[in-house]
Amino acid sequence: MMVKWLVALPDDAQVVWDTLPVRIANYHDAPLSVDLGMRGTGLDQRIAYSSIGHYRLAARETRIVHIPVQDLPVQSVGAPSQVELVGTSTGPEWPEASLAADHIFVQFASDYAQAFVSPTITWAPVALALVDGDIGSTEYLVLRDEPVSAVKRHVDGVATDELDELRALELYERVVGPAMRARGRYLDVFVEHPRTCRIWEQADYDG
């Protein structure tokens, strides 16, 4: 049994406007039932849970489920948050078993209209957000792969070892500043604070 986000390549990110696909695969020679949900960890360290749905798969069946990006339980701006697939599976010959969690890192645009998603790293969504989702731009590739060069002085298009203070300040204002003021929201979910275990619904956070 496997559940997996079908997003981006490792160490890269992608822009998502509408839905995120998830693969549910039954590798058994018998049917099974799956209760699937999401667990999100916010930038304020609260944890949010939401349900995706209940599915019954035939033997050896693979199914693709499309989750609206606006339904993610945690939606962070300024820095990525983590969203995991969680749930249980039940078959005719075994008791209820927990699914192995598969996670993504997600950062939303300031208007929440689009999300920047990576399956493996937190920096790629940040870099993609900095170029407004222009994934084919040279600036994105440089920020993703050689972020230090983004604050170096360039001569004839080539980075030198000398720090460019203006470039560093500009990058600080675009990256560090927003990350320090990261904000986001929780939508129609139960949210648990790890220290107090208090529960919120439809919560926002700032800071």
C-alpha atoms as a PDB file:
ATOM      1  CA  MET A   1       0.000   0.000   0.000  1.00  0.00           C
ATOM      2  CA  MET A   2       1.396   3.411  -0.929  1.00  0.00           C
ATOM      3  CA  VAL A   3       0.200   7.012  -0.955  1.00  0.00           C
ATOM      4  CA  LYS A   4       2.391   9.656  -2.593  1.00  0.00           C
ATOM      5  CA  TRP A   5       2.258  13.273  -3.696  1.00  0.00           C
ATOM      6  CA  LEU A   6       2.949  13.580  -7.437  1.00  0.00           C
ATOM      7  CA  VAL A   7       4.737  16.928  -7.488  1.00  0.00           C
ATOM      8  CA  ALA A   8       7.969  18.320  -8.936  1.00  0.00           C
ATOM      9  CA  LEU A   9      11.299  16.586  -9.195  1.00  0.00           C
ATOM     10  CA  PRO A  10      13.546  16.082  -6.171  1.00  0.00           C
ATOM     11  CA  ASP A  11      15.409  19.288  -5.213  1.00  0.00           C
ATOM     12  CA  ASP A  12      13.111  21.373  -7.413  1.00  0.00           C
ATOM     13  CA  ALA A  13       9.746  23.102  -7.097  1.00  0.00           C
ATOM     14  CA  GLN A  14       6.666  23.770  -9.195  1.00  0.00           C
ATOM     15  CA  VAL A  15       3.864  26.296  -9.359  1.00  0.00           C
ATOM     16  CA  VAL A  16       0.403  24.969  -8.486  1.00  0.00           C
ATOM     17  CA  TRP A  17      -2.723  26.947  -9.337  1.00  0.00           C
ATOM     18  CA  ASP A  18      -5.501  24.402  -8.916  1.00  0.00           C
ATOM     19  CA  THR A  19      -4.946  20.847  -7.651  1.00  0.00           C
ATOM     20  CA  LEU A  20      -2.233  18.575  -6.288  1.00  0.00           C
ATOM     21  CA  PRO A  21      -2.336  14.945  -7.486  1.00  0.00           C
ATOM     22  CA  VAL A  22      -1.891  12.061  -5.052  1.00  0.00           C
ATOM     23  CA  ARG A  23      -1.317   8.438  -6.055  1.00  0.00           C
ATOM     24  CA  ILE A  24      -2.998   5.728  -3.989  1.00  0.00           C
ATOM     25  CA  ALA A  25      -1.680   2.271  -4.894  1.00  0.00           C
ATOM     26  CA  ASN A  26      -2.869  -1.099  -3.628  1.00  0.00           C
ATOM     27  CA  TYR A  27      -0.083  -3.660  -4.091  1.00  0.00           C
ATOM     28  CA  HIS A  28      -2.080  -6.495  -2.522  1.00  0.00           C
ATOM     29  CA  ASP A  29      -4.022  -9.273  -4.251  1.00  0.00           C
ATOM     30  CA  ALA A  30      -7.088  -8.303  -2.250  1.00  0.00           C
ATOM     31  CA  PRO A  31      -9.250  -5.176  -2.028  1.00  0.00           C
ATOM     32  CA  LEU A  32      -8.676  -2.648   0.732  1.00  0.00           C
ATOM     33  CA  SER A  33     -10.162   0.522   2.181  1.00  0.00           C
ATOM     34  CA  VAL A  34      -8.219   3.730   2.752  1.00  0.00           C
ATOM     35  CA  ASP A  35      -9.068   6.685   4.983  1.00  0.00           C
ATOM     36  CA  LEU A  36      -6.800   9.481   3.773  1.00  0.00           C
ATOM     37  CA  GLY A  37      -6.075  12.855   5.322  1.00  0.00           C
ATOM     38  CA  MET A  38      -3.487  15.600   5.667  1.00  0.00           C
ATOM     39  CA  ARG A  39      -1.411  16.865   8.577  1.00  0.00           C
ATOM     40  CA  GLY A  40       0.148  20.300   8.249  1.00  0.00           C
ATOM     41  CA  THR A  41       2.737  21.948  10.483  1.00  0.00           C
ATOM     42  CA  GLY A  42       2.450  25.733  10.548  1.00  0.00           C
ATOM     43  CA  LEU A  43       5.246  28.254  10.925  1.00  0.00           C
ATOM     44  CA  ASP A  44       4.012  28.891  14.474  1.00  0.00           C
ATOM     45  CA  GLN A  45       4.458  25.132  15.193  1.00  0.00           C
ATOM     46  CA  ARG A  46       0.768  24.377  15.470  1.00  0.00           C
ATOM     47  CA  ILE A  47      -0.415  21.200  13.767  1.00  0.00           C
ATOM     48  CA  ALA A  48      -3.505  21.053  11.564  1.00  0.00           C
ATOM     49  CA  TYR A  49      -5.442  17.996  10.380  1.00  0.00           C
ATOM     50  CA  SER A  50      -8.000  17.671   7.589  1.00  0.00           C
ATOM     51  CA  SER A  51      -9.705  14.777   5.808  1.00  0.00           C
ATOM     52  CA  ILE A  52      -9.300  13.984   2.107  1.00  0.00           C
ATOM     53  CA  GLY A  53     -11.742  11.099   1.880  1.00  0.00           C
ATOM     54  CA  HIS A  54     -12.492   7.387   2.101  1.00  0.00           C
ATOM     55  CA  TYR A  55     -11.533   5.147  -0.832  1.00  0.00           C
ATOM     56  CA  ARG A  56     -12.014   1.468  -1.613  1.00  0.00           C
ATOM     57  CA  LEU A  57      -9.455   0.018  -4.014  1.00  0.00           C
ATOM     58  CA  ALA A  58      -9.682  -3.267  -5.859  1.00  0.00           C
ATOM     59  CA  ALA A  59      -6.784  -5.704  -5.817  1.00  0.00           C
ATOM     60  CA  ARG A  60      -3.715  -4.176  -7.516  1.00  0.00           C
ATOM     61  CA  GLU A  61      -5.604  -0.965  -8.280  1.00  0.00           C
ATOM     62  CA  THR A  62      -3.882   2.417  -8.539  1.00  0.00           C
ATOM     63  CA  ARG A  63      -5.908   5.603  -8.298  1.00  0.00           C
ATOM     64  CA  ILE A  64      -5.048   9.283  -8.713  1.00  0.00           C
ATOM     65  CA  VAL A  65      -6.836  11.731  -6.402  1.00  0.00           C
ATOM     66  CA  HIS A  66      -6.708  15.477  -7.068  1.00  0.00           C
ATOM     67  CA  ILE A  67      -6.664  17.722  -4.001  1.00  0.00           C
ATOM     68  CA  PRO A  68      -7.521  21.427  -4.455  1.00  0.00           C
ATOM     69  CA  VAL A  69      -4.538  23.479  -3.345  1.00  0.00           C
ATOM     70  CA  GLN A  70      -6.921  25.765  -1.475  1.00  0.00           C
ATOM     71  CA  ASP A  71      -7.877  22.772   0.714  1.00  0.00           C
ATOM     72  CA  LEU A  72      -4.399  22.329   2.214  1.00  0.00           C
ATOM     73  CA  PRO A  73      -4.779  22.569   5.986  1.00  0.00           C
ATOM     74  CA  VAL A  74      -1.843  24.981   6.398  1.00  0.00           C
ATOM     75  CA  GLN A  75      -1.182  27.840   3.957  1.00  0.00           C
ATOM     76  CA  SER A  76       2.012  29.754   4.741  1.00  0.00           C
ATOM     77  CA  VAL A  77       3.291  32.974   3.173  1.00  0.00           C
ATOM     78  CA  GLY A  78       6.938  34.062   3.388  1.00  0.00           C
ATOM     79  CA  ALA A  79       8.351  30.597   4.117  1.00  0.00           C
ATOM     80  CA  PRO A  80       7.251  27.002   3.403  1.00  0.00           C
ATOM     81  CA  SER A  81       5.241  24.812   5.739  1.00  0.00           C
ATOM     82  CA  GLN A  82       5.089  21.017   5.649  1.00  0.00           C
ATOM     83  CA  VAL A  83       1.997  19.049   4.656  1.00  0.00           C
ATOM     84  CA  GLU A  84       1.948  15.257   5.087  1.00  0.00           C
ATOM     85  CA  LEU A  85      -0.373  12.585   3.781  1.00  0.00           C
ATOM     86  CA  VAL A  86      -1.640  10.499   6.696  1.00  0.00           C
ATOM     87  CA  GLY A  87      -4.284   7.848   7.191  1.00  0.00           C
ATOM     88  CA  THR A  88      -5.070   4.187   7.613  1.00  0.00           C
ATOM     89  CA  SER A  89      -5.749   1.184   5.399  1.00  0.00           C
ATOM     90  CA  THR A  90      -7.846  -1.893   6.154  1.00  0.00           C
ATOM     91  CA  GLY A  91      -7.996  -5.165   4.227  1.00  0.00           C
ATOM     92  CA  PRO A  92      -9.924  -8.435   4.531  1.00  0.00           C
ATOM     93  CA  GLU A  93      -6.986 -10.298   6.064  1.00  0.00           C
ATOM     94  CA  TRP A  94      -5.296  -7.668   8.229  1.00  0.00           C
ATOM     95  CA  PRO A  95      -6.314  -5.091  10.858  1.00  0.00           C
ATOM     96  CA  GLU A  96      -6.198  -1.344  10.432  1.00  0.00           C
ATOM     97  CA  ALA A  97      -2.684  -0.148   9.599  1.00  0.00           C
ATOM     98  CA  SER A  98      -1.233   3.351   9.508  1.00  0.00           C
ATOM     99  CA  LEU A  99      -0.007   4.674   6.187  1.00  0.00           C
ATOM    100  CA  ALA A 100       3.601   5.776   5.834  1.00  0.00           C
ATOM    101  CA  ALA A 101       3.597   9.592   5.692  1.00  0.00           C
ATOM    102  CA  ASP A 102       4.671  11.334   2.485  1.00  0.00           C
ATOM    103  CA  HIS A 103       5.289  15.075   2.753  1.00  0.00           C
ATOM    104  CA  ILE A 104       5.653  18.198   0.645  1.00  0.00           C
ATOM    105  CA  PHE A 105       6.872  21.713   1.419  1.00  0.00           C
ATOM    106  CA  VAL A 106       4.457  24.441   0.361  1.00  0.00           C
ATOM    107  CA  GLN A 107       4.706  28.233   0.266  1.00  0.00           C
ATOM    108  CA  PHE A 108       1.795  30.372  -0.931  1.00  0.00           C
ATOM    109  CA  ALA A 109       1.863  33.663  -2.788  1.00  0.00           C
ATOM    110  CA  SER A 110       0.782  36.663  -0.727  1.00  0.00           C
ATOM    111  CA  ASP A 111      -2.725  36.577  -2.238  1.00  0.00           C
ATOM    112  CA  TYR A 112      -3.015  32.768  -1.789  1.00  0.00           C
ATOM    113  CA  ALA A 113      -3.840  32.405  -5.498  1.00  0.00           C
ATOM    114  CA  GLN A 114      -0.943  30.046  -6.206  1.00  0.00           C
ATOM    115  CA  ALA A 115       1.412  27.773  -4.297  1.00  0.00           C
ATOM    116  CA  PHE A 116       5.069  26.851  -4.757  1.00  0.00           C
ATOM    117  CA  VAL A 117       5.657  23.188  -3.936  1.00  0.00           C
ATOM    118  CA  SER A 118       8.662  20.892  -3.488  1.00  0.00           C
ATOM    119  CA  PRO A 119       8.754  17.225  -2.426  1.00  0.00           C
ATOM    120  CA  THR A 120      12.200  17.365  -0.825  1.00  0.00           C
ATOM    121  CA  ILE A 121      13.563  20.807   0.100  1.00  0.00           C
ATOM    122  CA  THR A 122      12.329  24.032   1.673  1.00  0.00           C
ATOM    123  CA  TRP A 123      14.547  26.437  -0.282  1.00  0.00           C
ATOM    124  CA  ALA A 124      13.187  25.746  -3.800  1.00  0.00           C
ATOM    125  CA  PRO A 125       9.666  27.061  -3.011  1.00  0.00           C
ATOM    126  CA  VAL A 126      11.237  30.203  -1.523  1.00  0.00           C
ATOM    127  CA  ALA A 127      13.354  30.742  -4.639  1.00  0.00           C
ATOM    128  CA  LEU A 128      10.359  30.187  -6.901  1.00  0.00           C
ATOM    129  CA  ALA A 129       8.265  32.640  -4.913  1.00  0.00           C
ATOM    130  CA  LEU A 130      11.000  35.263  -5.261  1.00  0.00           C
ATOM    131  CA  VAL A 131      10.683  35.178  -9.062  1.00  0.00           C
ATOM    132  CA  ASP A 132       6.863  35.171  -8.964  1.00  0.00           C
ATOM    133  CA  GLY A 133       6.662  31.577 -10.168  1.00  0.00           C
ATOM    134  CA  ASP A 134       8.797  32.065 -13.302  1.00  0.00           C
ATOM    135  CA  ILE A 135      10.262  28.561 -13.143  1.00  0.00           C
ATOM    136  CA  GLY A 136      12.041  28.880 -16.517  1.00  0.00           C
ATOM    137  CA  SER A 137      13.962  32.011 -15.576  1.00  0.00           C
ATOM    138  CA  THR A 138      17.711  32.098 -15.100  1.00  0.00           C
ATOM    139  CA  GLU A 139      17.175  33.977 -11.852  1.00  0.00           C
ATOM    140  CA  TYR A 140      15.227  31.049 -10.405  1.00  0.00           C
ATOM    141  CA  LEU A 141      17.910  28.533 -11.374  1.00  0.00           C
ATOM    142  CA  VAL A 142      20.617  30.696  -9.806  1.00  0.00           C
ATOM    143  CA  LEU A 143      18.644  31.213  -6.606  1.00  0.00           C
ATOM    144  CA  ARG A 144      17.812  27.507  -6.409  1.00  0.00           C
ATOM    145  CA  ASP A 145      21.268  26.095  -7.157  1.00  0.00           C
ATOM    146  CA  GLU A 146      23.751  28.875  -6.304  1.00  0.00           C
ATOM    147  CA  PRO A 147      22.048  31.178  -3.804  1.00  0.00           C
ATOM    148  CA  VAL A 148      25.366  32.579  -2.552  1.00  0.00           C
ATOM    149  CA  SER A 149      26.180  33.884  -6.041  1.00  0.00           C
ATOM    150  CA  ALA A 150      23.042  36.016  -5.864  1.00  0.00           C
ATOM    151  CA  VAL A 151      24.825  38.365  -3.432  1.00  0.00           C
ATOM    152  CA  LYS A 152      28.174  38.433  -5.247  1.00  0.00           C
ATOM    153  CA  ARG A 153      29.328  41.187  -7.550  1.00  0.00           C
ATOM    154  CA  HIS A 154      28.962  40.212 -11.207  1.00  0.00           C
ATOM    155  CA  VAL A 155      31.350  41.170 -14.002  1.00  0.00           C
ATOM    156  CA  ASP A 156      30.241  40.444 -17.561  1.00  0.00           C
ATOM    157  CA  GLY A 157      27.532  38.197 -16.170  1.00  0.00           C
ATOM    158  CA  VAL A 158      29.936  36.109 -14.067  1.00  0.00           C
ATOM    159  CA  ALA A 159      29.879  36.126 -10.255  1.00  0.00           C
ATOM    160  CA  THR A 160      33.112  37.172  -8.527  1.00  0.00           C
ATOM    161  CA  ASP A 161      34.188  36.476  -4.942  1.00  0.00           C
ATOM    162  CA  GLU A 162      33.390  40.063  -3.916  1.00  0.00           C
ATOM    163  CA  LEU A 163      30.213  40.786  -1.982  1.00  0.00           C
ATOM    164  CA  ASP A 164      27.760  43.151  -3.668  1.00  0.00           C
ATOM    165  CA  GLU A 165      26.238  45.003  -0.732  1.00  0.00           C
ATOM    166  CA  LEU A 166      23.310  46.371  -2.738  1.00  0.00           C
ATOM    167  CA  ARG A 167      22.431  42.910  -4.069  1.00  0.00           C
ATOM    168  CA  ALA A 168      22.760  41.470  -0.566  1.00  0.00           C
ATOM    169  CA  LEU A 169      20.480  44.140   0.896  1.00  0.00           C
ATOM    170  CA  GLU A 170      17.907  43.620  -1.855  1.00  0.00           C
ATOM    171  CA  LEU A 171      17.938  39.850  -1.301  1.00  0.00           C
ATOM    172  CA  TYR A 172      17.630  40.357   2.437  1.00  0.00           C
ATOM    173  CA  GLU A 173      14.577  42.562   1.977  1.00  0.00           C
ATOM    174  CA  ARG A 174      12.970  40.002  -0.350  1.00  0.00           C
ATOM    175  CA  VAL A 175      13.907  36.808   1.526  1.00  0.00           C
ATOM    176  CA  VAL A 176      14.919  37.274   5.142  1.00  0.00           C
ATOM    177  CA  GLY A 177      12.499  40.081   5.930  1.00  0.00           C
ATOM    178  CA  PRO A 178       9.365  38.249   4.717  1.00  0.00           C
ATOM    179  CA  ALA A 179      10.508  35.008   6.348  1.00  0.00           C
ATOM    180  CA  MET A 180      10.918  36.778   9.673  1.00  0.00           C
ATOM    181  CA  ARG A 181       7.378  38.110   9.257  1.00  0.00           C
ATOM    182  CA  ALA A 182       5.948  34.855   7.941  1.00  0.00           C
ATOM    183  CA  ARG A 183       2.196  34.529   8.125  1.00  0.00           C
ATOM    184  CA  GLY A 184      -0.490  32.143   6.969  1.00  0.00           C
ATOM    185  CA  ARG A 185      -3.841  30.549   7.732  1.00  0.00           C
ATOM    186  CA  TYR A 186      -5.540  27.323   8.683  1.00  0.00           C
ATOM    187  CA  LEU A 187      -8.737  26.536   6.803  1.00  0.00           C
ATOM    188  CA  ASP A 188     -11.729  24.641   8.238  1.00  0.00           C
ATOM    189  CA  VAL A 189      -9.586  22.254  10.229  1.00  0.00           C
ATOM    190  CA  PHE A 190      -8.805  21.378  13.816  1.00  0.00           C
ATOM    191  CA  VAL A 191      -5.517  22.917  14.877  1.00  0.00           C
ATOM    192  CA  GLU A 192      -3.528  21.615  17.812  1.00  0.00           C
ATOM    193  CA  HIS A 193      -0.884  23.595  19.655  1.00  0.00           C
ATOM    194  CA  PRO A 194       1.957  21.211  20.641  1.00  0.00           C
ATOM    195  CA  ARG A 195       2.359  22.780  24.095  1.00  0.00           C
ATOM    196  CA  THR A 196      -1.188  23.431  25.244  1.00  0.00           C
ATOM    197  CA  CYS A 197      -3.171  20.952  23.099  1.00  0.00           C
ATOM    198  CA  ARG A 198      -5.819  23.650  22.745  1.00  0.00           C
ATOM    199  CA  ILE A 199      -7.926  23.475  19.610  1.00  0.00           C
ATOM    200  CA  TRP A 200      -8.657  26.264  17.143  1.00  0.00           C
ATOM    201  CA  GLU A 201     -10.848  26.284  14.036  1.00  0.00           C
ATOM    202  CA  GLN A 202     -10.402  28.454  10.940  1.00  0.00           C
ATOM    203  CA  ALA A 203      -7.368  30.061  12.580  1.00  0.00           C
ATOM    204  CA  ASP A 204      -4.981  32.638  11.153  1.00  0.00           C
ATOM    205  CA  TYR A 205      -1.462  33.248  12.362  1.00  0.00           C
ATOM    206  CA  ASP A 206       1.007  36.084  11.982  1.00  0.00           C
ATOM    207  CA  GLY A 207       4.579  36.203  13.143  1.00  0.00           C
END
